[in-house]
Amino acid sequence: MSTLLDVRDLVKTFGEGETATHVLRGLSLTLDTGELAALLGPSGSGKSTLLTILGTLMKPTSGRYRMLGQDLVAADDAALTEFRNRHIGFVFQFHNLLPDFTALENVIFPTAVREGRETSAARRRGRELLVRMGLEDRVDFATTKLSGGQKQRVAVARALMNTPQLVLADEPTGNLDRASARQVMELISEINRDEVTTFLISTHDEKIAACCRRQIAVADGLVTG
């Protein structure tokens, strides 16, 4: 497998002087294309900050971050926005769906933003993704009419809409019952296997971590295992 991303000596500090909070303390990590990895660690260990940086939503205080051969620390905001939209998908604990939109409209939203409009090709791919998620009978439902598990499957479909190389998931099953969580992880594993999409999943759930082929432990702002 080829290297997808490489971070070296990431430092993230919030504040200055005596009030400074050191969240990442020289963290290094490599992910290969097609990995399905769990990110483990206690609250305050730096997991969410790391995901935010990997998602290009925040820059480190210092250190290196390269993905697909690009230096994402040196890149400006416009370049990061374009890179993120094309190459990175996100799934959150709280699905963050738009309540006034249908399931399909939520899924195609990232492409509509990029293209400046909805296209027939986007609607076709969005529908195909929802069918793959087992939601063929919910395509045109308002998200307010979906169950928690269904909403999270819509969120997974949305993350995959632009065919990203990397999907970052922050506690994606944290608000789901065990059966729904298992179903979401089965879908993630299937996508990872069939489309060689790399997933990095932050979780406190040992059963979810066990579904991943690699476990990455973080403590005190460093990778410890």
C-alpha atoms as a PDB file:
ATOM      1  CA  MET A   1       0.000   0.000   0.000  1.00  0.00           C
ATOM      2  CA  SER A   2       1.138   3.547  -0.697  1.00  0.00           C
ATOM      3  CA  THR A   3       1.345   6.255   1.933  1.00  0.00           C
ATOM      4  CA  LEU A   4      -1.742   8.498   1.903  1.00  0.00           C
ATOM      5  CA  LEU A   5      -0.753  10.973   4.601  1.00  0.00           C
ATOM      6  CA  ASP A   6       2.224  11.655   6.790  1.00  0.00           C
ATOM      7  CA  VAL A   7       2.378  13.971   9.797  1.00  0.00           C
ATOM      8  CA  ARG A   8       5.573  14.662  11.691  1.00  0.00           C
ATOM      9  CA  ASP A   9       6.132  16.430  14.993  1.00  0.00           C
ATOM     10  CA  LEU A  10       2.686  18.070  15.084  1.00  0.00           C
ATOM     11  CA  VAL A  11       2.348  20.615  17.867  1.00  0.00           C
ATOM     12  CA  LYS A  12      -0.888  22.429  18.678  1.00  0.00           C
ATOM     13  CA  THR A  13      -0.960  24.987  21.457  1.00  0.00           C
ATOM     14  CA  PHE A  14      -3.949  27.130  22.386  1.00  0.00           C
ATOM     15  CA  GLY A  15      -3.201  30.406  24.154  1.00  0.00           C
ATOM     16  CA  GLU A  16       0.134  31.828  25.194  1.00  0.00           C
ATOM     17  CA  GLY A  17       2.404  32.065  28.193  1.00  0.00           C
ATOM     18  CA  GLU A  18       1.235  30.707  31.509  1.00  0.00           C
ATOM     19  CA  THR A  19      -2.286  30.107  30.204  1.00  0.00           C
ATOM     20  CA  ALA A  20      -1.137  28.080  27.179  1.00  0.00           C
ATOM     21  CA  THR A  21      -2.713  24.644  26.698  1.00  0.00           C
ATOM     22  CA  HIS A  22      -0.501  22.140  24.906  1.00  0.00           C
ATOM     23  CA  VAL A  23      -2.813  19.672  23.164  1.00  0.00           C
ATOM     24  CA  LEU A  24      -0.478  18.034  20.634  1.00  0.00           C
ATOM     25  CA  ARG A  25       3.133  17.691  21.716  1.00  0.00           C
ATOM     26  CA  GLY A  26       5.061  16.501  18.680  1.00  0.00           C
ATOM     27  CA  LEU A  27       2.705  13.833  17.349  1.00  0.00           C
ATOM     28  CA  SER A  28       3.754  11.766  14.325  1.00  0.00           C
ATOM     29  CA  LEU A  29       1.507   9.441  12.310  1.00  0.00           C
ATOM     30  CA  THR A  30       1.385   7.764   8.909  1.00  0.00           C
ATOM     31  CA  LEU A  31      -1.702   6.322   7.209  1.00  0.00           C
ATOM     32  CA  ASP A  32      -1.582   4.144   4.122  1.00  0.00           C
ATOM     33  CA  THR A  33      -4.141   4.110   1.346  1.00  0.00           C
ATOM     34  CA  GLY A  34      -6.965   1.700   2.168  1.00  0.00           C
ATOM     35  CA  GLU A  35      -6.411   1.524   5.929  1.00  0.00           C
ATOM     36  CA  LEU A  36      -9.315   1.128   8.340  1.00  0.00           C
ATOM     37  CA  ALA A  37      -7.940   2.498  11.598  1.00  0.00           C
ATOM     38  CA  ALA A  38      -9.371   3.317  15.003  1.00  0.00           C
ATOM     39  CA  LEU A  39      -8.081   6.309  16.972  1.00  0.00           C
ATOM     40  CA  LEU A  40      -8.209   5.567  20.694  1.00  0.00           C
ATOM     41  CA  GLY A  41      -7.527   7.598  23.795  1.00  0.00           C
ATOM     42  CA  PRO A  42      -9.145   9.243  26.817  1.00  0.00           C
ATOM     43  CA  SER A  43     -10.961  12.569  26.657  1.00  0.00           C
ATOM     44  CA  GLY A  44      -8.405  15.361  26.418  1.00  0.00           C
ATOM     45  CA  SER A  45      -5.787  13.172  24.755  1.00  0.00           C
ATOM     46  CA  GLY A  46      -5.802  15.235  21.547  1.00  0.00           C
ATOM     47  CA  LYS A  47      -7.873  12.972  19.275  1.00  0.00           C
ATOM     48  CA  SER A  48     -10.394  15.591  18.188  1.00  0.00           C
ATOM     49  CA  THR A  49      -7.692  18.214  17.646  1.00  0.00           C
ATOM     50  CA  LEU A  50      -5.757  15.749  15.497  1.00  0.00           C
ATOM     51  CA  LEU A  51      -8.839  14.954  13.395  1.00  0.00           C
ATOM     52  CA  THR A  52      -9.523  18.663  12.947  1.00  0.00           C
ATOM     53  CA  ILE A  53      -5.982  19.236  11.679  1.00  0.00           C
ATOM     54  CA  LEU A  54      -6.073  16.164   9.429  1.00  0.00           C
ATOM     55  CA  GLY A  55      -9.338  17.481   8.014  1.00  0.00           C
ATOM     56  CA  THR A  56      -7.581  20.786   7.167  1.00  0.00           C
ATOM     57  CA  LEU A  57     -10.061  22.686   9.339  1.00  0.00           C
ATOM     58  CA  MET A  58      -7.271  23.962  11.592  1.00  0.00           C
ATOM     59  CA  LYS A  59      -3.518  24.377  11.200  1.00  0.00           C
ATOM     60  CA  PRO A  60      -0.976  23.095  13.716  1.00  0.00           C
ATOM     61  CA  THR A  61       1.213  25.470  15.675  1.00  0.00           C
ATOM     62  CA  SER A  62       4.180  23.689  14.126  1.00  0.00           C
ATOM     63  CA  GLY A  63       5.042  20.437  12.395  1.00  0.00           C
ATOM     64  CA  ARG A  64       4.513  18.869   8.987  1.00  0.00           C
ATOM     65  CA  TYR A  65       1.382  17.491   7.331  1.00  0.00           C
ATOM     66  CA  ARG A  66       1.545  16.063   3.834  1.00  0.00           C
ATOM     67  CA  MET A  67      -1.259  14.227   2.051  1.00  0.00           C
ATOM     68  CA  LEU A  68      -1.275  13.026  -1.542  1.00  0.00           C
ATOM     69  CA  GLY A  69       2.097  14.716  -1.927  1.00  0.00           C
ATOM     70  CA  GLN A  70       0.821  18.163  -0.927  1.00  0.00           C
ATOM     71  CA  ASP A  71       2.146  20.299   1.921  1.00  0.00           C
ATOM     72  CA  LEU A  72      -1.053  21.176   3.785  1.00  0.00           C
ATOM     73  CA  VAL A  73       0.659  23.327   6.412  1.00  0.00           C
ATOM     74  CA  ALA A  74       1.994  25.719   3.787  1.00  0.00           C
ATOM     75  CA  ALA A  75      -1.254  25.805   1.766  1.00  0.00           C
ATOM     76  CA  ASP A  76      -3.495  28.887   1.953  1.00  0.00           C
ATOM     77  CA  ASP A  77      -7.175  28.791   2.938  1.00  0.00           C
ATOM     78  CA  ALA A  78      -8.479  28.656  -0.635  1.00  0.00           C
ATOM     79  CA  ALA A  79      -6.235  25.721  -1.501  1.00  0.00           C
ATOM     80  CA  LEU A  80      -7.208  23.914   1.708  1.00  0.00           C
ATOM     81  CA  THR A  81     -10.918  24.385   0.991  1.00  0.00           C
ATOM     82  CA  GLU A  82     -10.550  22.909  -2.488  1.00  0.00           C
ATOM     83  CA  PHE A  83      -8.377  20.048  -1.229  1.00  0.00           C
ATOM     84  CA  ARG A  84     -10.807  19.225   1.576  1.00  0.00           C
ATOM     85  CA  ASN A  85     -13.822  19.201  -0.711  1.00  0.00           C
ATOM     86  CA  ARG A  86     -12.143  16.888  -3.211  1.00  0.00           C
ATOM     87  CA  HIS A  87     -10.231  14.491  -0.993  1.00  0.00           C
ATOM     88  CA  ILE A  88     -11.649  14.373   2.566  1.00  0.00           C
ATOM     89  CA  GLY A  89     -15.027  13.296   3.937  1.00  0.00           C
ATOM     90  CA  PHE A  90     -16.340  13.727   7.468  1.00  0.00           C
ATOM     91  CA  VAL A  91     -18.717  11.749   9.681  1.00  0.00           C
ATOM     92  CA  PHE A  92     -19.497  13.156  13.127  1.00  0.00           C
ATOM     93  CA  GLN A  93     -21.184  11.827  16.266  1.00  0.00           C
ATOM     94  CA  PHE A  94     -23.969  14.332  15.668  1.00  0.00           C
ATOM     95  CA  HIS A  95     -24.777  13.768  12.023  1.00  0.00           C
ATOM     96  CA  ASN A  96     -25.124  17.516  11.242  1.00  0.00           C
ATOM     97  CA  LEU A  97     -27.730  16.960   8.543  1.00  0.00           C
ATOM     98  CA  LEU A  98     -29.700  19.904   7.214  1.00  0.00           C
ATOM     99  CA  PRO A  99     -33.190  19.426   8.704  1.00  0.00           C
ATOM    100  CA  ASP A 100     -35.115  21.106   5.890  1.00  0.00           C
ATOM    101  CA  PHE A 101     -33.458  18.939   3.237  1.00  0.00           C
ATOM    102  CA  THR A 102     -34.309  15.426   2.110  1.00  0.00           C
ATOM    103  CA  ALA A 103     -31.875  12.556   2.538  1.00  0.00           C
ATOM    104  CA  LEU A 104     -30.803  12.904  -1.098  1.00  0.00           C
ATOM    105  CA  GLU A 105     -30.383  16.674  -0.876  1.00  0.00           C
ATOM    106  CA  ASN A 106     -28.154  16.243   2.171  1.00  0.00           C
ATOM    107  CA  VAL A 107     -25.993  13.656   0.414  1.00  0.00           C
ATOM    108  CA  ILE A 108     -25.420  15.713  -2.738  1.00  0.00           C
ATOM    109  CA  PHE A 109     -24.831  18.961  -0.836  1.00  0.00           C
ATOM    110  CA  PRO A 110     -20.974  18.736  -0.926  1.00  0.00           C
ATOM    111  CA  THR A 111     -21.036  18.341  -4.713  1.00  0.00           C
ATOM    112  CA  ALA A 112     -23.617  21.101  -5.151  1.00  0.00           C
ATOM    113  CA  VAL A 113     -21.332  23.434  -3.195  1.00  0.00           C
ATOM    114  CA  ARG A 114     -18.350  22.502  -5.357  1.00  0.00           C
ATOM    115  CA  GLU A 115     -20.217  22.733  -8.665  1.00  0.00           C
ATOM    116  CA  GLY A 116     -22.380  25.694  -7.718  1.00  0.00           C
ATOM    117  CA  ARG A 117     -25.558  23.763  -8.567  1.00  0.00           C
ATOM    118  CA  GLU A 118     -27.210  20.357  -8.404  1.00  0.00           C
ATOM    119  CA  THR A 119     -26.493  18.151 -11.402  1.00  0.00           C
ATOM    120  CA  SER A 120     -28.155  15.021 -12.718  1.00  0.00           C
ATOM    121  CA  ALA A 121     -24.870  13.136 -12.246  1.00  0.00           C
ATOM    122  CA  ALA A 122     -24.740  14.203  -8.586  1.00  0.00           C
ATOM    123  CA  ARG A 123     -28.329  13.143  -8.002  1.00  0.00           C
ATOM    124  CA  ARG A 124     -27.608   9.788  -9.619  1.00  0.00           C
ATOM    125  CA  ARG A 125     -24.529   9.153  -7.450  1.00  0.00           C
ATOM    126  CA  GLY A 126     -26.346  10.353  -4.321  1.00  0.00           C
ATOM    127  CA  ARG A 127     -29.218   7.985  -4.987  1.00  0.00           C
ATOM    128  CA  GLU A 128     -26.811   5.093  -5.614  1.00  0.00           C
ATOM    129  CA  LEU A 129     -25.068   5.766  -2.308  1.00  0.00           C
ATOM    130  CA  LEU A 130     -28.347   5.841  -0.397  1.00  0.00           C
ATOM    131  CA  VAL A 131     -29.413   2.570  -2.002  1.00  0.00           C
ATOM    132  CA  ARG A 132     -26.096   1.073  -0.938  1.00  0.00           C
ATOM    133  CA  MET A 133     -26.792   2.298   2.596  1.00  0.00           C
ATOM    134  CA  GLY A 134     -30.095   0.407   2.554  1.00  0.00           C
ATOM    135  CA  LEU A 135     -32.139   3.603   2.328  1.00  0.00           C
ATOM    136  CA  GLU A 136     -33.727   3.202  -1.099  1.00  0.00           C
ATOM    137  CA  ASP A 137     -37.168   3.791   0.439  1.00  0.00           C
ATOM    138  CA  ARG A 138     -35.994   6.930   2.288  1.00  0.00           C
ATOM    139  CA  VAL A 139     -34.292   8.849  -0.535  1.00  0.00           C
ATOM    140  CA  ASP A 140     -36.862  11.633  -0.653  1.00  0.00           C
ATOM    141  CA  PHE A 141     -37.739  11.659   3.040  1.00  0.00           C
ATOM    142  CA  ALA A 142     -37.051  14.763   5.103  1.00  0.00           C
ATOM    143  CA  THR A 143     -34.265  13.968   7.548  1.00  0.00           C
ATOM    144  CA  THR A 144     -36.576  14.859  10.436  1.00  0.00           C
ATOM    145  CA  LYS A 145     -38.521  11.689   9.588  1.00  0.00           C
ATOM    146  CA  LEU A 146     -35.505   9.385   9.800  1.00  0.00           C
ATOM    147  CA  SER A 147     -34.336   7.332  12.771  1.00  0.00           C
ATOM    148  CA  GLY A 148     -30.960   7.943  14.380  1.00  0.00           C
ATOM    149  CA  GLY A 149     -29.375   5.012  12.582  1.00  0.00           C
ATOM    150  CA  GLN A 150     -30.837   6.113   9.249  1.00  0.00           C
ATOM    151  CA  LYS A 151     -29.547   9.657   9.735  1.00  0.00           C
ATOM    152  CA  GLN A 152     -26.055   8.376  10.414  1.00  0.00           C
ATOM    153  CA  ARG A 153     -26.160   6.245   7.270  1.00  0.00           C
ATOM    154  CA  VAL A 154     -27.140   9.377   5.329  1.00  0.00           C
ATOM    155  CA  ALA A 155     -24.139  11.108   6.923  1.00  0.00           C
ATOM    156  CA  VAL A 156     -21.843   8.296   5.773  1.00  0.00           C
ATOM    157  CA  ALA A 157     -23.256   8.574   2.241  1.00  0.00           C
ATOM    158  CA  ARG A 158     -22.685  12.350   2.309  1.00  0.00           C
ATOM    159  CA  ALA A 159     -19.055  11.825   3.393  1.00  0.00           C
ATOM    160  CA  LEU A 160     -18.548   9.536   0.386  1.00  0.00           C
ATOM    161  CA  MET A 161     -20.287  11.772  -2.139  1.00  0.00           C
ATOM    162  CA  ASN A 162     -17.154  13.304  -3.655  1.00  0.00           C
ATOM    163  CA  THR A 163     -15.275   9.963  -3.635  1.00  0.00           C
ATOM    164  CA  PRO A 164     -12.727  11.095  -1.028  1.00  0.00           C
ATOM    165  CA  GLN A 165      -9.489   9.251  -0.417  1.00  0.00           C
ATOM    166  CA  LEU A 166      -9.834   9.831   3.348  1.00  0.00           C
ATOM    167  CA  VAL A 167     -12.870   9.764   5.637  1.00  0.00           C
ATOM    168  CA  LEU A 168     -12.466  11.081   9.182  1.00  0.00           C
ATOM    169  CA  ALA A 169     -15.097   9.868  11.633  1.00  0.00           C
ATOM    170  CA  ASP A 170     -15.393  11.337  15.138  1.00  0.00           C
ATOM    171  CA  GLU A 171     -17.419   8.994  17.380  1.00  0.00           C
ATOM    172  CA  PRO A 172     -19.709   8.110  14.449  1.00  0.00           C
ATOM    173  CA  THR A 173     -21.697   5.543  16.462  1.00  0.00           C
ATOM    174  CA  GLY A 174     -21.680   7.370  19.797  1.00  0.00           C
ATOM    175  CA  ASN A 175     -25.408   8.181  19.736  1.00  0.00           C
ATOM    176  CA  LEU A 176     -26.612   4.902  18.222  1.00  0.00           C
ATOM    177  CA  ASP A 177     -27.963   1.736  19.761  1.00  0.00           C
ATOM    178  CA  ARG A 178     -25.821  -1.375  19.390  1.00  0.00           C
ATOM    179  CA  ALA A 179     -27.664  -2.757  16.358  1.00  0.00           C
ATOM    180  CA  SER A 180     -27.496   0.553  14.467  1.00  0.00           C
ATOM    181  CA  ALA A 181     -23.828   0.997  15.394  1.00  0.00           C
ATOM    182  CA  ARG A 182     -23.020  -2.455  14.066  1.00  0.00           C
ATOM    183  CA  GLN A 183     -24.856  -1.712  10.824  1.00  0.00           C
ATOM    184  CA  VAL A 184     -22.974   1.568  10.306  1.00  0.00           C
ATOM    185  CA  MET A 185     -19.620  -0.144  10.928  1.00  0.00           C
ATOM    186  CA  GLU A 186     -20.497  -2.956   8.527  1.00  0.00           C
ATOM    187  CA  LEU A 187     -21.188  -0.343   5.840  1.00  0.00           C
ATOM    188  CA  ILE A 188     -17.922   1.472   6.584  1.00  0.00           C
ATOM    189  CA  SER A 189     -16.007  -1.820   6.370  1.00  0.00           C
ATOM    190  CA  GLU A 190     -17.700  -2.628   3.069  1.00  0.00           C
ATOM    191  CA  ILE A 191     -16.845   0.762   1.552  1.00  0.00           C
ATOM    192  CA  ASN A 192     -13.282   0.486   2.837  1.00  0.00           C
ATOM    193  CA  ARG A 193     -12.899  -2.924   1.227  1.00  0.00           C
ATOM    194  CA  ASP A 194     -14.660  -2.250  -2.076  1.00  0.00           C
ATOM    195  CA  GLU A 195     -13.533   1.326  -2.800  1.00  0.00           C
ATOM    196  CA  VAL A 196     -10.169   1.312  -0.961  1.00  0.00           C
ATOM    197  CA  THR A 197     -11.272   4.403   0.963  1.00  0.00           C
ATOM    198  CA  THR A 198      -9.110   5.137   4.001  1.00  0.00           C
ATOM    199  CA  PHE A 199     -11.012   5.580   7.286  1.00  0.00           C
ATOM    200  CA  LEU A 200      -9.708   6.987  10.560  1.00  0.00           C
ATOM    201  CA  ILE A 201     -12.346   6.522  13.266  1.00  0.00           C
ATOM    202  CA  SER A 202     -12.099   8.146  16.687  1.00  0.00           C
ATOM    203  CA  THR A 203     -13.972   6.060  19.250  1.00  0.00           C
ATOM    204  CA  HIS A 204     -14.187   5.108  22.909  1.00  0.00           C
ATOM    205  CA  ASP A 205     -16.029   1.901  22.020  1.00  0.00           C
ATOM    206  CA  GLU A 206     -13.794  -1.176  22.133  1.00  0.00           C
ATOM    207  CA  LYS A 207     -16.223  -3.139  19.938  1.00  0.00           C
ATOM    208  CA  ILE A 208     -16.066  -0.460  17.257  1.00  0.00           C
ATOM    209  CA  ALA A 209     -12.261  -0.371  17.509  1.00  0.00           C
ATOM    210  CA  ALA A 210     -12.175  -4.157  17.127  1.00  0.00           C
ATOM    211  CA  CYS A 211     -13.894  -3.786  13.744  1.00  0.00           C
ATOM    212  CA  CYS A 212     -10.844  -1.853  12.513  1.00  0.00           C
ATOM    213  CA  ARG A 213      -7.698  -3.539  11.289  1.00  0.00           C
ATOM    214  CA  ARG A 214      -5.421  -1.043  13.078  1.00  0.00           C
ATOM    215  CA  GLN A 215      -5.710   0.632  16.470  1.00  0.00           C
ATOM    216  CA  ILE A 216      -3.815   3.878  17.096  1.00  0.00           C
ATOM    217  CA  ALA A 217      -3.550   4.959  20.739  1.00  0.00           C
ATOM    218  CA  VAL A 218      -3.136   8.644  21.637  1.00  0.00           C
ATOM    219  CA  ALA A 219      -2.307  10.005  25.093  1.00  0.00           C
ATOM    220  CA  ASP A 220      -1.084  13.421  26.211  1.00  0.00           C
ATOM    221  CA  GLY A 221      -0.883  14.632  22.634  1.00  0.00           C
ATOM    222  CA  LEU A 222       1.324  11.815  21.350  1.00  0.00           C
ATOM    223  CA  VAL A 223       0.802   8.507  19.546  1.00  0.00           C
ATOM    224  CA  THR A 224       1.634   5.869  22.135  1.00  0.00           C
ATOM    225  CA  GLY A 225       0.755   2.689  20.288  1.00  0.00           C
END
